[in-house]
C-alpha atoms as a PDB file:
ATOM      1  CA  UNK A   1       0.000   0.000   0.000  1.00  0.00           C
ATOM      2  CA  UNK A   2       1.154   3.553  -0.582  1.00  0.00           C
ATOM      3  CA  UNK A   3       1.200   5.654   2.548  1.00  0.00           C
ATOM      4  CA  UNK A   4      -1.690   8.132   2.414  1.00  0.00           C
ATOM      5  CA  UNK A   5      -1.156  11.648   3.705  1.00  0.00           C
ATOM      6  CA  UNK A   6      -3.883  14.036   4.829  1.00  0.00           C
ATOM      7  CA  UNK A   7      -4.146  17.502   6.301  1.00  0.00           C
ATOM      8  CA  UNK A   8      -4.927  17.486  10.016  1.00  0.00           C
ATOM      9  CA  UNK A   9      -5.558  20.407  12.334  1.00  0.00           C
ATOM     10  CA  UNK A  10      -4.704  20.538  16.009  1.00  0.00           C
ATOM     11  CA  UNK A  11      -1.771  20.714  18.386  1.00  0.00           C
ATOM     12  CA  UNK A  12       0.467  17.779  19.299  1.00  0.00           C
ATOM     13  CA  UNK A  13      -1.832  16.518  22.063  1.00  0.00           C
ATOM     14  CA  UNK A  14      -4.875  16.656  19.784  1.00  0.00           C
ATOM     15  CA  UNK A  15      -3.001  14.753  17.096  1.00  0.00           C
ATOM     16  CA  UNK A  16      -1.931  12.103  19.607  1.00  0.00           C
ATOM     17  CA  UNK A  17      -5.602  11.635  20.520  1.00  0.00           C
ATOM     18  CA  UNK A  18      -6.541  11.469  16.834  1.00  0.00           C
ATOM     19  CA  UNK A  19      -4.063   8.669  16.112  1.00  0.00           C
ATOM     20  CA  UNK A  20      -5.245   6.745  19.187  1.00  0.00           C
ATOM     21  CA  UNK A  21      -8.860   7.127  18.067  1.00  0.00           C
ATOM     22  CA  UNK A  22      -7.904   5.802  14.636  1.00  0.00           C
ATOM     23  CA  UNK A  23      -6.450   2.697  16.338  1.00  0.00           C
ATOM     24  CA  UNK A  24      -3.045   2.964  14.691  1.00  0.00           C
ATOM     25  CA  UNK A  25      -1.002   3.062  17.904  1.00  0.00           C
ATOM     26  CA  UNK A  26      -0.427   0.785  20.885  1.00  0.00           C
ATOM     27  CA  UNK A  27      -2.159   3.317  23.114  1.00  0.00           C
ATOM     28  CA  UNK A  28       1.090   5.061  24.058  1.00  0.00           C
ATOM     29  CA  UNK A  29       2.378   8.364  22.631  1.00  0.00           C
ATOM     30  CA  UNK A  30       3.975   8.207  19.180  1.00  0.00           C
ATOM     31  CA  UNK A  31       6.065  10.429  16.923  1.00  0.00           C
ATOM     32  CA  UNK A  32       3.484  12.086  14.669  1.00  0.00           C
ATOM     33  CA  UNK A  33       4.471  11.072  11.104  1.00  0.00           C
ATOM     34  CA  UNK A  34       4.226  14.398   9.265  1.00  0.00           C
ATOM     35  CA  UNK A  35       5.233  14.524   5.604  1.00  0.00           C
ATOM     36  CA  UNK A  36       8.333  16.498   6.514  1.00  0.00           C
ATOM     37  CA  UNK A  37       9.335  14.003   9.223  1.00  0.00           C
ATOM     38  CA  UNK A  38       8.769  10.990   6.978  1.00  0.00           C
ATOM     39  CA  UNK A  39      10.828  12.522   4.165  1.00  0.00           C
ATOM     40  CA  UNK A  40      13.629  13.380   6.587  1.00  0.00           C
ATOM     41  CA  UNK A  41      13.494   9.902   8.135  1.00  0.00           C
ATOM     42  CA  UNK A  42      13.814   8.243   4.732  1.00  0.00           C
ATOM     43  CA  UNK A  43      16.610  10.586   3.681  1.00  0.00           C
ATOM     44  CA  UNK A  44      18.643   9.930   6.825  1.00  0.00           C
ATOM     45  CA  UNK A  45      18.035   6.181   6.560  1.00  0.00           C
ATOM     46  CA  UNK A  46      19.328   6.182   2.984  1.00  0.00           C
ATOM     47  CA  UNK A  47      16.174   4.510   1.648  1.00  0.00           C
ATOM     48  CA  UNK A  48      14.556   7.512  -0.076  1.00  0.00           C
ATOM     49  CA  UNK A  49      15.233   6.207  -3.567  1.00  0.00           C
ATOM     50  CA  UNK A  50      13.531   2.920  -2.748  1.00  0.00           C
ATOM     51  CA  UNK A  51      10.606   4.330  -0.794  1.00  0.00           C
ATOM     52  CA  UNK A  52       8.046   2.793  -3.164  1.00  0.00           C
ATOM     53  CA  UNK A  53       9.682  -0.624  -3.346  1.00  0.00           C
ATOM     54  CA  UNK A  54       7.389  -3.402  -2.146  1.00  0.00           C
ATOM     55  CA  UNK A  55       8.578  -5.350   0.894  1.00  0.00           C
ATOM     56  CA  UNK A  56       5.779  -7.898   0.743  1.00  0.00           C
ATOM     57  CA  UNK A  57       2.401  -8.372   2.424  1.00  0.00           C
ATOM     58  CA  UNK A  58       1.270  -9.464   5.877  1.00  0.00           C
ATOM     59  CA  UNK A  59      -2.053 -11.160   6.692  1.00  0.00           C
ATOM     60  CA  UNK A  60      -4.891 -10.662   7.134  1.00  0.00           C
ATOM     61  CA  UNK A  61      -4.803  -7.497   4.983  1.00  0.00           C
ATOM     62  CA  UNK A  62      -2.289  -8.983   2.549  1.00  0.00           C
ATOM     63  CA  UNK A  63      -1.894  -5.613   0.832  1.00  0.00           C
ATOM     64  CA  UNK A  64       1.450  -4.601  -0.698  1.00  0.00           C
ATOM     65  CA  UNK A  65       3.691  -2.975   1.910  1.00  0.00           C
ATOM     66  CA  UNK A  66       6.206  -0.398   0.710  1.00  0.00           C
ATOM     67  CA  UNK A  67       9.492   0.715   2.221  1.00  0.00           C
ATOM     68  CA  UNK A  68       7.780   4.017   3.035  1.00  0.00           C
ATOM     69  CA  UNK A  69       4.966   2.209   4.852  1.00  0.00           C
ATOM     70  CA  UNK A  70       7.520   0.500   7.094  1.00  0.00           C
ATOM     71  CA  UNK A  71       9.369   3.800   7.544  1.00  0.00           C
ATOM     72  CA  UNK A  72       6.207   5.569   8.742  1.00  0.00           C
ATOM     73  CA  UNK A  73       5.567   2.906  11.379  1.00  0.00           C
ATOM     74  CA  UNK A  74       9.219   2.825  12.422  1.00  0.00           C
ATOM     75  CA  UNK A  75       9.170   6.598  12.856  1.00  0.00           C
ATOM     76  CA  UNK A  76       5.911   6.438  14.817  1.00  0.00           C
ATOM     77  CA  UNK A  77       7.466   3.896  17.186  1.00  0.00           C
ATOM     78  CA  UNK A  78      10.303   6.304  17.976  1.00  0.00           C
ATOM     79  CA  UNK A  79      13.118   4.368  16.315  1.00  0.00           C
ATOM     80  CA  UNK A  80      16.076   6.066  14.680  1.00  0.00           C
ATOM     81  CA  UNK A  81      16.349   6.150  10.854  1.00  0.00           C
ATOM     82  CA  UNK A  82      19.333   3.787  11.001  1.00  0.00           C
ATOM     83  CA  UNK A  83      16.968   1.105  12.330  1.00  0.00           C
ATOM     84  CA  UNK A  84      14.839   0.999   9.173  1.00  0.00           C
ATOM     85  CA  UNK A  85      16.979  -1.736   7.592  1.00  0.00           C
ATOM     86  CA  UNK A  86      16.366  -3.915  10.662  1.00  0.00           C
ATOM     87  CA  UNK A  87      12.607  -3.509  10.340  1.00  0.00           C
ATOM     88  CA  UNK A  88      12.644  -4.216   6.612  1.00  0.00           C
ATOM     89  CA  UNK A  89      14.518  -7.454   7.318  1.00  0.00           C
ATOM     90  CA  UNK A  90      12.051  -8.331  10.086  1.00  0.00           C
ATOM     91  CA  UNK A  91       9.072  -7.744   7.773  1.00  0.00           C
ATOM     92  CA  UNK A  92      10.736 -10.020   5.234  1.00  0.00           C
ATOM     93  CA  UNK A  93      11.398 -12.668   7.889  1.00  0.00           C
ATOM     94  CA  UNK A  94       7.867 -12.856   9.252  1.00  0.00           C
ATOM     95  CA  UNK A  95       6.542 -13.615   5.772  1.00  0.00           C
ATOM     96  CA  UNK A  96       8.466 -16.891   5.669  1.00  0.00           C
ATOM     97  CA  UNK A  97       5.977 -19.822   5.735  1.00  0.00           C
ATOM     98  CA  UNK A  98       7.898 -21.439   8.627  1.00  0.00           C
ATOM     99  CA  UNK A  99       7.167 -18.409  10.807  1.00  0.00           C
ATOM    100  CA  UNK A 100       3.377 -18.746  10.232  1.00  0.00           C
ATOM    101  CA  UNK A 101       2.584 -15.100  10.922  1.00  0.00           C
ATOM    102  CA  UNK A 102      -1.083 -15.716  10.118  1.00  0.00           C
ATOM    103  CA  UNK A 103      -1.361 -17.939  13.190  1.00  0.00           C
ATOM    104  CA  UNK A 104       0.331 -15.277  15.323  1.00  0.00           C
ATOM    105  CA  UNK A 105      -2.080 -12.608  14.089  1.00  0.00           C
ATOM    106  CA  UNK A 106      -5.299 -14.507  14.816  1.00  0.00           C
ATOM    107  CA  UNK A 107      -4.679 -16.662  17.877  1.00  0.00           C
ATOM    108  CA  UNK A 108      -6.168 -16.465  21.374  1.00  0.00           C
ATOM    109  CA  UNK A 109      -2.650 -17.263  22.658  1.00  0.00           C
ATOM    110  CA  UNK A 110      -0.662 -14.321  24.128  1.00  0.00           C
ATOM    111  CA  UNK A 111       2.179 -14.975  21.639  1.00  0.00           C
ATOM    112  CA  UNK A 112       4.570 -12.103  20.882  1.00  0.00           C
ATOM    113  CA  UNK A 113       7.258 -11.863  18.205  1.00  0.00           C
ATOM    114  CA  UNK A 114      10.821 -11.557  19.499  1.00  0.00           C
ATOM    115  CA  UNK A 115      13.506  -9.795  17.456  1.00  0.00           C
ATOM    116  CA  UNK A 116      17.108 -10.864  18.074  1.00  0.00           C
ATOM    117  CA  UNK A 117      19.850  -8.742  16.501  1.00  0.00           C
ATOM    118  CA  UNK A 118      23.297 -10.051  15.545  1.00  0.00           C
ATOM    119  CA  UNK A 119      26.314  -8.559  13.815  1.00  0.00           C
ATOM    120  CA  UNK A 120      27.638  -5.000  13.410  1.00  0.00           C
ATOM    121  CA  UNK A 121      24.157  -3.470  13.769  1.00  0.00           C
ATOM    122  CA  UNK A 122      24.300  -4.194  17.501  1.00  0.00           C
ATOM    123  CA  UNK A 123      26.961  -1.540  18.070  1.00  0.00           C
ATOM    124  CA  UNK A 124      25.842   0.743  15.255  1.00  0.00           C
ATOM    125  CA  UNK A 125      22.304   1.019  16.627  1.00  0.00           C
ATOM    126  CA  UNK A 126      23.172   0.812  20.321  1.00  0.00           C
ATOM    127  CA  UNK A 127      21.231  -2.425  20.847  1.00  0.00           C
ATOM    128  CA  UNK A 128      21.245  -3.585  24.469  1.00  0.00           C
ATOM    129  CA  UNK A 129      22.825  -6.994  25.043  1.00  0.00           C
ATOM    130  CA  UNK A 130      23.787  -6.931  28.744  1.00  0.00           C
ATOM    131  CA  UNK A 131      22.002  -6.224  32.008  1.00  0.00           C
ATOM    132  CA  UNK A 132      18.313  -5.559  31.423  1.00  0.00           C
ATOM    133  CA  UNK A 133      18.630  -6.278  27.693  1.00  0.00           C
ATOM    134  CA  UNK A 134      15.046  -7.578  27.661  1.00  0.00           C
ATOM    135  CA  UNK A 135      13.734  -4.768  29.857  1.00  0.00           C
ATOM    136  CA  UNK A 136      13.033  -1.043  29.627  1.00  0.00           C
ATOM    137  CA  UNK A 137      15.647   1.671  29.298  1.00  0.00           C
ATOM    138  CA  UNK A 138      17.242   0.475  26.055  1.00  0.00           C
ATOM    139  CA  UNK A 139      15.876   2.902  23.472  1.00  0.00           C
ATOM    140  CA  UNK A 140      16.836   0.975  20.354  1.00  0.00           C
ATOM    141  CA  UNK A 141      15.517  -2.322  21.735  1.00  0.00           C
ATOM    142  CA  UNK A 142      12.187  -0.843  22.764  1.00  0.00           C
ATOM    143  CA  UNK A 143      11.587   1.245  19.653  1.00  0.00           C
ATOM    144  CA  UNK A 144      12.545  -1.475  17.162  1.00  0.00           C
ATOM    145  CA  UNK A 145      10.392  -4.114  18.822  1.00  0.00           C
ATOM    146  CA  UNK A 146       7.537  -1.632  19.033  1.00  0.00           C
ATOM    147  CA  UNK A 147       7.885  -0.827  15.325  1.00  0.00           C
ATOM    148  CA  UNK A 148       7.364  -4.481  14.383  1.00  0.00           C
ATOM    149  CA  UNK A 149       4.173  -4.493  16.470  1.00  0.00           C
ATOM    150  CA  UNK A 150       2.983  -1.415  14.528  1.00  0.00           C
ATOM    151  CA  UNK A 151       3.702  -3.226  11.260  1.00  0.00           C
ATOM    152  CA  UNK A 152       1.655  -6.245  12.355  1.00  0.00           C
ATOM    153  CA  UNK A 153      -1.180  -4.013  13.570  1.00  0.00           C
ATOM    154  CA  UNK A 154      -1.293  -1.234  10.980  1.00  0.00           C
ATOM    155  CA  UNK A 155       0.062  -2.856   7.824  1.00  0.00           C
ATOM    156  CA  UNK A 156      -0.986  -6.431   8.503  1.00  0.00           C
ATOM    157  CA  UNK A 157      -4.371  -5.627  10.028  1.00  0.00           C
ATOM    158  CA  UNK A 158      -3.783  -7.396  13.350  1.00  0.00           C
ATOM    159  CA  UNK A 159      -6.059  -5.057  15.324  1.00  0.00           C
ATOM    160  CA  UNK A 160      -8.353  -5.950  18.221  1.00  0.00           C
ATOM    161  CA  UNK A 161     -10.958  -7.364  15.840  1.00  0.00           C
ATOM    162  CA  UNK A 162      -8.379  -9.846  14.532  1.00  0.00           C
ATOM    163  CA  UNK A 163      -5.964 -10.393  17.422  1.00  0.00           C
ATOM    164  CA  UNK A 164      -8.027 -12.548  19.775  1.00  0.00           C
ATOM    165  CA  UNK A 165      -5.406 -12.934  22.508  1.00  0.00           C
ATOM    166  CA  UNK A 166      -7.358 -13.816  25.637  1.00  0.00           C
ATOM    167  CA  UNK A 167      -5.040 -11.930  27.978  1.00  0.00           C
ATOM    168  CA  UNK A 168      -2.224 -10.614  25.821  1.00  0.00           C
ATOM    169  CA  UNK A 169       1.106  -9.909  27.486  1.00  0.00           C
ATOM    170  CA  UNK A 170       3.523  -6.974  27.923  1.00  0.00           C
ATOM    171  CA  UNK A 171       5.879  -8.446  25.301  1.00  0.00           C
ATOM    172  CA  UNK A 172       3.233  -7.614  22.704  1.00  0.00           C
ATOM    173  CA  UNK A 173       4.203  -3.959  23.155  1.00  0.00           C
ATOM    174  CA  UNK A 174       7.820  -4.643  22.259  1.00  0.00           C
ATOM    175  CA  UNK A 175      10.406  -7.417  22.461  1.00  0.00           C
ATOM    176  CA  UNK A 176      13.845  -6.937  20.944  1.00  0.00           C
ATOM    177  CA  UNK A 177      17.403  -7.503  22.161  1.00  0.00           C
ATOM    178  CA  UNK A 178      20.861  -8.236  20.831  1.00  0.00           C
ATOM    179  CA  UNK A 179      23.108 -11.220  21.411  1.00  0.00           C
ATOM    180  CA  UNK A 180      26.158 -10.519  23.606  1.00  0.00           C
ATOM    181  CA  UNK A 181      28.539 -11.737  20.928  1.00  0.00           C
ATOM    182  CA  UNK A 182      31.761 -10.398  22.466  1.00  0.00           C
ATOM    183  CA  UNK A 183      30.971 -12.065  25.812  1.00  0.00           C
ATOM    184  CA  UNK A 184      29.885 -15.408  24.402  1.00  0.00           C
ATOM    185  CA  UNK A 185      32.247 -18.400  24.314  1.00  0.00           C
ATOM    186  CA  UNK A 186      30.582 -19.573  21.098  1.00  0.00           C
ATOM    187  CA  UNK A 187      30.167 -18.240  17.612  1.00  0.00           C
ATOM    188  CA  UNK A 188      27.337 -15.680  17.247  1.00  0.00           C
ATOM    189  CA  UNK A 189      23.925 -17.210  16.698  1.00  0.00           C
ATOM    190  CA  UNK A 190      23.622 -15.903  13.145  1.00  0.00           C
ATOM    191  CA  UNK A 191      26.928 -17.560  12.199  1.00  0.00           C
ATOM    192  CA  UNK A 192      25.466 -20.876  13.370  1.00  0.00           C
ATOM    193  CA  UNK A 193      22.653 -20.226  10.890  1.00  0.00           C
ATOM    194  CA  UNK A 194      24.997 -19.855   7.929  1.00  0.00           C
ATOM    195  CA  UNK A 195      25.619 -16.099   7.911  1.00  0.00           C
ATOM    196  CA  UNK A 196      29.066 -14.535   8.182  1.00  0.00           C
ATOM    197  CA  UNK A 197      30.169 -12.685  11.305  1.00  0.00           C
ATOM    198  CA  UNK A 198      30.306  -9.354   9.456  1.00  0.00           C
ATOM    199  CA  UNK A 199      26.676  -9.577   8.343  1.00  0.00           C
ATOM    200  CA  UNK A 200      23.962  -7.906  10.420  1.00  0.00           C
ATOM    201  CA  UNK A 201      21.059 -10.299  10.888  1.00  0.00           C
ATOM    202  CA  UNK A 202      17.591 -10.237  12.436  1.00  0.00           C
ATOM    203  CA  UNK A 203      16.072 -13.415  13.856  1.00  0.00           C
ATOM    204  CA  UNK A 204      12.345 -13.520  14.595  1.00  0.00           C
ATOM    205  CA  UNK A 205      10.784 -16.027  17.004  1.00  0.00           C
ATOM    206  CA  UNK A 206       7.249 -16.357  18.398  1.00  0.00           C
ATOM    207  CA  UNK A 207       7.054 -16.966  22.154  1.00  0.00           C
ATOM    208  CA  UNK A 208       4.193 -17.213  24.626  1.00  0.00           C
ATOM    209  CA  UNK A 209       5.998 -16.483  27.911  1.00  0.00           C
ATOM    210  CA  UNK A 210       9.322 -15.906  29.669  1.00  0.00           C
ATOM    211  CA  UNK A 211      10.544 -18.125  32.517  1.00  0.00           C
ATOM    212  CA  UNK A 212      13.543 -17.373  34.701  1.00  0.00           C
ATOM    213  CA  UNK A 213      15.792 -20.308  35.661  1.00  0.00           C
ATOM    214  CA  UNK A 214      18.273 -20.434  38.543  1.00  0.00           C
ATOM    215  CA  UNK A 215      19.925 -23.819  37.921  1.00  0.00           C
ATOM    216  CA  UNK A 216      22.347 -23.604  40.863  1.00  0.00           C
ATOM    217  CA  UNK A 217      23.451 -21.140  43.528  1.00  0.00           C
ATOM    218  CA  UNK A 218      26.704 -22.983  44.313  1.00  0.00           C
ATOM    219  CA  UNK A 219      29.318 -21.562  41.978  1.00  0.00           C
ATOM    220  CA  UNK A 220      31.572 -24.592  42.529  1.00  0.00           C
ATOM    221  CA  UNK A 221      29.098 -27.240  41.360  1.00  0.00           C
ATOM    222  CA  UNK A 222      28.754 -28.683  37.888  1.00  0.00           C
ATOM    223  CA  UNK A 223      25.995 -26.747  36.160  1.00  0.00           C
ATOM    224  CA  UNK A 224      24.965 -28.614  33.008  1.00  0.00           C
ATOM    225  CA  UNK A 225      23.048 -31.381  34.819  1.00  0.00           C
ATOM    226  CA  UNK A 226      20.826 -29.109  36.936  1.00  0.00           C
ATOM    227  CA  UNK A 227      20.217 -26.717  34.024  1.00  0.00           C
ATOM    228  CA  UNK A 228      19.217 -29.485  31.624  1.00  0.00           C
ATOM    229  CA  UNK A 229      16.964 -31.060  34.255  1.00  0.00           C
ATOM    230  CA  UNK A 230      15.112 -27.792  34.746  1.00  0.00           C
ATOM    231  CA  UNK A 231      14.917 -27.068  31.024  1.00  0.00           C
ATOM    232  CA  UNK A 232      13.558 -30.554  30.423  1.00  0.00           C
ATOM    233  CA  UNK A 233      10.831 -30.093  33.019  1.00  0.00           C
ATOM    234  CA  UNK A 234       9.865 -26.734  31.504  1.00  0.00           C
ATOM    235  CA  UNK A 235       9.691 -28.193  28.016  1.00  0.00           C
ATOM    236  CA  UNK A 236       7.346 -30.885  29.322  1.00  0.00           C
ATOM    237  CA  UNK A 237       5.048 -28.387  31.047  1.00  0.00           C
ATOM    238  CA  UNK A 238       1.456 -29.588  30.726  1.00  0.00           C
ATOM    239  CA  UNK A 239      -1.004 -26.947  29.581  1.00  0.00           C
ATOM    240  CA  UNK A 240       1.404 -24.859  27.531  1.00  0.00           C
ATOM    241  CA  UNK A 241       1.795 -24.679  23.782  1.00  0.00           C
ATOM    242  CA  UNK A 242       4.727 -27.078  24.109  1.00  0.00           C
ATOM    243  CA  UNK A 243       2.264 -29.936  23.712  1.00  0.00           C
ATOM    244  CA  UNK A 244       2.142 -29.185  19.978  1.00  0.00           C
ATOM    245  CA  UNK A 245       5.933 -29.737  19.858  1.00  0.00           C
ATOM    246  CA  UNK A 246       6.422 -27.784  16.640  1.00  0.00           C
ATOM    247  CA  UNK A 247       7.715 -24.371  17.734  1.00  0.00           C
ATOM    248  CA  UNK A 248      11.189 -22.974  18.471  1.00  0.00           C
ATOM    249  CA  UNK A 249      12.031 -23.053  22.194  1.00  0.00           C
ATOM    250  CA  UNK A 250      14.504 -20.301  23.090  1.00  0.00           C
ATOM    251  CA  UNK A 251      17.232 -20.534  25.738  1.00  0.00           C
ATOM    252  CA  UNK A 252      18.855 -17.205  26.667  1.00  0.00           C
ATOM    253  CA  UNK A 253      21.981 -17.977  28.661  1.00  0.00           C
ATOM    254  CA  UNK A 254      23.754 -15.217  30.499  1.00  0.00           C
ATOM    255  CA  UNK A 255      27.465 -15.019  29.557  1.00  0.00           C
ATOM    256  CA  UNK A 256      28.501 -16.486  32.907  1.00  0.00           C
ATOM    257  CA  UNK A 257      26.379 -19.587  32.399  1.00  0.00           C
ATOM    258  CA  UNK A 258      27.562 -19.919  28.798  1.00  0.00           C
ATOM    259  CA  UNK A 259      31.188 -19.792  29.952  1.00  0.00           C
ATOM    260  CA  UNK A 260      30.556 -22.476  32.557  1.00  0.00           C
ATOM    261  CA  UNK A 261      28.866 -24.718  30.023  1.00  0.00           C
ATOM    262  CA  UNK A 262      31.762 -24.210  27.642  1.00  0.00           C
ATOM    263  CA  UNK A 263      34.157 -25.261  30.396  1.00  0.00           C
ATOM    264  CA  UNK A 264      32.046 -28.381  30.960  1.00  0.00           C
ATOM    265  CA  UNK A 265      32.366 -29.364  27.305  1.00  0.00           C
ATOM    266  CA  UNK A 266      29.212 -27.878  25.799  1.00  0.00           C
ATOM    267  CA  UNK A 267      28.983 -25.907  22.601  1.00  0.00           C
ATOM    268  CA  UNK A 268      25.693 -24.623  21.191  1.00  0.00           C
ATOM    269  CA  UNK A 269      24.980 -27.811  19.225  1.00  0.00           C
ATOM    270  CA  UNK A 270      25.621 -30.133  22.148  1.00  0.00           C
ATOM    271  CA  UNK A 271      23.367 -28.029  24.379  1.00  0.00           C
ATOM    272  CA  UNK A 272      20.601 -28.086  21.756  1.00  0.00           C
ATOM    273  CA  UNK A 273      20.712 -31.871  21.516  1.00  0.00           C
ATOM    274  CA  UNK A 274      20.960 -32.350  25.278  1.00  0.00           C
ATOM    275  CA  UNK A 275      17.956 -30.074  25.870  1.00  0.00           C
ATOM    276  CA  UNK A 276      16.049 -31.891  23.112  1.00  0.00           C
ATOM    277  CA  UNK A 277      16.649 -35.201  24.898  1.00  0.00           C
ATOM    278  CA  UNK A 278      15.846 -33.758  28.337  1.00  0.00           C
ATOM    279  CA  UNK A 279      12.561 -32.334  27.038  1.00  0.00           C
ATOM    280  CA  UNK A 280      11.152 -35.715  25.984  1.00  0.00           C
ATOM    281  CA  UNK A 281       8.309 -37.111  28.067  1.00  0.00           C
ATOM    282  CA  UNK A 282       6.480 -40.458  27.992  1.00  0.00           C
ATOM    283  CA  UNK A 283       3.135 -40.086  26.301  1.00  0.00           C
ATOM    284  CA  UNK A 284       1.592 -41.598  29.442  1.00  0.00           C
ATOM    285  CA  UNK A 285       2.464 -38.365  31.245  1.00  0.00           C
ATOM    286  CA  UNK A 286      -0.269 -36.665  29.184  1.00  0.00           C
ATOM    287  CA  UNK A 287      -3.391 -38.513  30.372  1.00  0.00           C
ATOM    288  CA  UNK A 288      -5.963 -35.788  29.769  1.00  0.00           C
ATOM    289  CA  UNK A 289      -8.161 -35.390  26.735  1.00  0.00           C
ATOM    290  CA  UNK A 290      -7.177 -31.847  25.763  1.00  0.00           C
ATOM    291  CA  UNK A 291      -4.070 -32.796  23.798  1.00  0.00           C
ATOM    292  CA  UNK A 292      -4.436 -33.257  20.017  1.00  0.00           C
ATOM    293  CA  UNK A 293      -2.009 -36.118  19.515  1.00  0.00           C
ATOM    294  CA  UNK A 294      -1.919 -35.639  15.746  1.00  0.00           C
ATOM    295  CA  UNK A 295       0.102 -32.442  16.285  1.00  0.00           C
ATOM    296  CA  UNK A 296       2.687 -33.938  18.600  1.00  0.00           C
ATOM    297  CA  UNK A 297       6.129 -35.070  17.570  1.00  0.00           C
ATOM    298  CA  UNK A 298       6.039 -38.589  19.017  1.00  0.00           C
ATOM    299  CA  UNK A 299       8.726 -41.227  18.607  1.00  0.00           C
ATOM    300  CA  UNK A 300       9.039 -44.499  20.488  1.00  0.00           C
ATOM    301  CA  UNK A 301       6.281 -43.488  22.878  1.00  0.00           C
ATOM    302  CA  UNK A 302       7.970 -40.167  23.760  1.00  0.00           C
ATOM    303  CA  UNK A 303       6.591 -36.669  23.167  1.00  0.00           C
ATOM    304  CA  UNK A 304       9.337 -34.365  21.913  1.00  0.00           C
ATOM    305  CA  UNK A 305       9.507 -30.636  22.760  1.00  0.00           C
ATOM    306  CA  UNK A 306       9.936 -29.730  19.073  1.00  0.00           C
ATOM    307  CA  UNK A 307      10.554 -31.516  15.800  1.00  0.00           C
ATOM    308  CA  UNK A 308      14.359 -31.250  15.758  1.00  0.00           C
ATOM    309  CA  UNK A 309      17.093 -30.335  18.203  1.00  0.00           C
ATOM    310  CA  UNK A 310      18.151 -27.629  15.741  1.00  0.00           C
ATOM    311  CA  UNK A 311      14.787 -25.902  16.255  1.00  0.00           C
ATOM    312  CA  UNK A 312      15.931 -24.916  19.755  1.00  0.00           C
ATOM    313  CA  UNK A 313      17.394 -21.399  19.647  1.00  0.00           C
ATOM    314  CA  UNK A 314      20.359 -20.932  22.008  1.00  0.00           C
ATOM    315  CA  UNK A 315      21.421 -17.319  22.610  1.00  0.00           C
ATOM    316  CA  UNK A 316      23.790 -15.502  24.957  1.00  0.00           C
ATOM    317  CA  UNK A 317      22.654 -12.197  26.489  1.00  0.00           C
ATOM    318  CA  UNK A 318      22.277 -10.467  29.832  1.00  0.00           C
ATOM    319  CA  UNK A 319      24.566  -9.701  32.750  1.00  0.00           C
ATOM    320  CA  UNK A 320      27.764 -11.642  33.337  1.00  0.00           C
ATOM    321  CA  UNK A 321      26.874 -13.201  36.697  1.00  0.00           C
ATOM    322  CA  UNK A 322      26.333 -16.972  36.438  1.00  0.00           C
ATOM    323  CA  UNK A 323      22.959 -17.110  38.163  1.00  0.00           C
ATOM    324  CA  UNK A 324      19.953 -16.394  35.914  1.00  0.00           C
ATOM    325  CA  UNK A 325      19.093 -17.904  32.539  1.00  0.00           C
ATOM    326  CA  UNK A 326      15.842 -17.507  30.623  1.00  0.00           C
ATOM    327  CA  UNK A 327      13.602 -19.990  28.860  1.00  0.00           C
ATOM    328  CA  UNK A 328      11.220 -18.502  26.299  1.00  0.00           C
ATOM    329  CA  UNK A 329       8.336 -20.899  25.789  1.00  0.00           C
ATOM    330  CA  UNK A 330       7.495 -21.391  22.107  1.00  0.00           C
ATOM    331  CA  UNK A 331       4.261 -20.842  20.256  1.00  0.00           C
ATOM    332  CA  UNK A 332       2.955 -23.415  17.814  1.00  0.00           C
ATOM    333  CA  UNK A 333       3.687 -23.280  14.935  1.00  0.00           C
ATOM    334  CA  UNK A 334       6.139 -20.328  14.788  1.00  0.00           C
ATOM    335  CA  UNK A 335       9.602 -21.549  13.817  1.00  0.00           C
ATOM    336  CA  UNK A 336      12.469 -19.086  14.054  1.00  0.00           C
ATOM    337  CA  UNK A 337      13.634 -17.412  10.864  1.00  0.00           C
ATOM    338  CA  UNK A 338      16.560 -15.105  10.132  1.00  0.00           C
ATOM    339  CA  UNK A 339      17.202 -12.448   7.500  1.00  0.00           C
ATOM    340  CA  UNK A 340      20.080 -10.096   6.753  1.00  0.00           C
ATOM    341  CA  UNK A 341      19.495  -6.456   7.690  1.00  0.00           C
ATOM    342  CA  UNK A 342      18.642  -4.414   4.603  1.00  0.00           C
ATOM    343  CA  UNK A 343      20.970  -1.759   3.236  1.00  0.00           C
ATOM    344  CA  UNK A 344      19.862   1.062   0.910  1.00  0.00           C
ATOM    345  CA  UNK A 345      21.644  -0.749  -1.950  1.00  0.00           C
ATOM    346  CA  UNK A 346      19.020  -3.474  -1.650  1.00  0.00           C
ATOM    347  CA  UNK A 347      16.449  -0.993  -3.030  1.00  0.00           C
ATOM    348  CA  UNK A 348      18.496   0.405  -5.895  1.00  0.00           C
END
């Protein structure tokens, strides 16, 4: 769709109320996207020449989305022009069939999309990767995650008439962070997905909740066993979307935990496979009638947490202390997908 412009009267507060009444915000204040501001935003982002290029379409509207459309929503969310390439990559990523954005848009589940940034864009955009990386106070994180929500709502049509989330969750406002690449003992996540270290990459995952794990408090004990035991129990949690066993579970290790696992002989792949094994449960553990067995991944009488060990996303972020790690529970059937951050040359 081509962004439509219209003449509006009123001061800033009146315009904020107008945009809220039109249901094109998340209820919080926005940057009013005047023609002058949009033109300046595109010019500073470097994407002016490609402003009319089509990025794709997002259900349920499924109308062509232009670079300018994404720019308007990125501006409204308060992101800097340099972030536009990240959002264009994210819009491209969510259209991948494996991500199943249509299910995310319509479901009663409180699922939220998570954006994970890798590569040089982390430093260039000031993406938070350390303490409080998933919390407030990191402007780039908050604004970029919020911009993707605006895209889903305004350009995809995922408004309250479509998004049937029974409760919703705060992560539906925004959820974006960067991997702590320099403090990780392993290669960056995007390199494990086939990209080069000097590429900037966005990974999108759908999750339904965030669970904090404290595997041990004794810094002198072996950590892998307790961590895998707790992860396995979480992956088997009855009543969550895990019972579909087709999503992408996410493990966010703090750098201290990652270093300890490395010292105990674990790389990312070994941890993925160990968690995959720990998350299996006998089908007899699911005795109730509310589980559609046709959607499970079942082998040899065991229910698996996902289809493949490689579907488990292992990231490193947060503070350095080896105490807290996060488990992000997956949403069926969103599988993670990654795309390179756009540059203006992509539109020329």
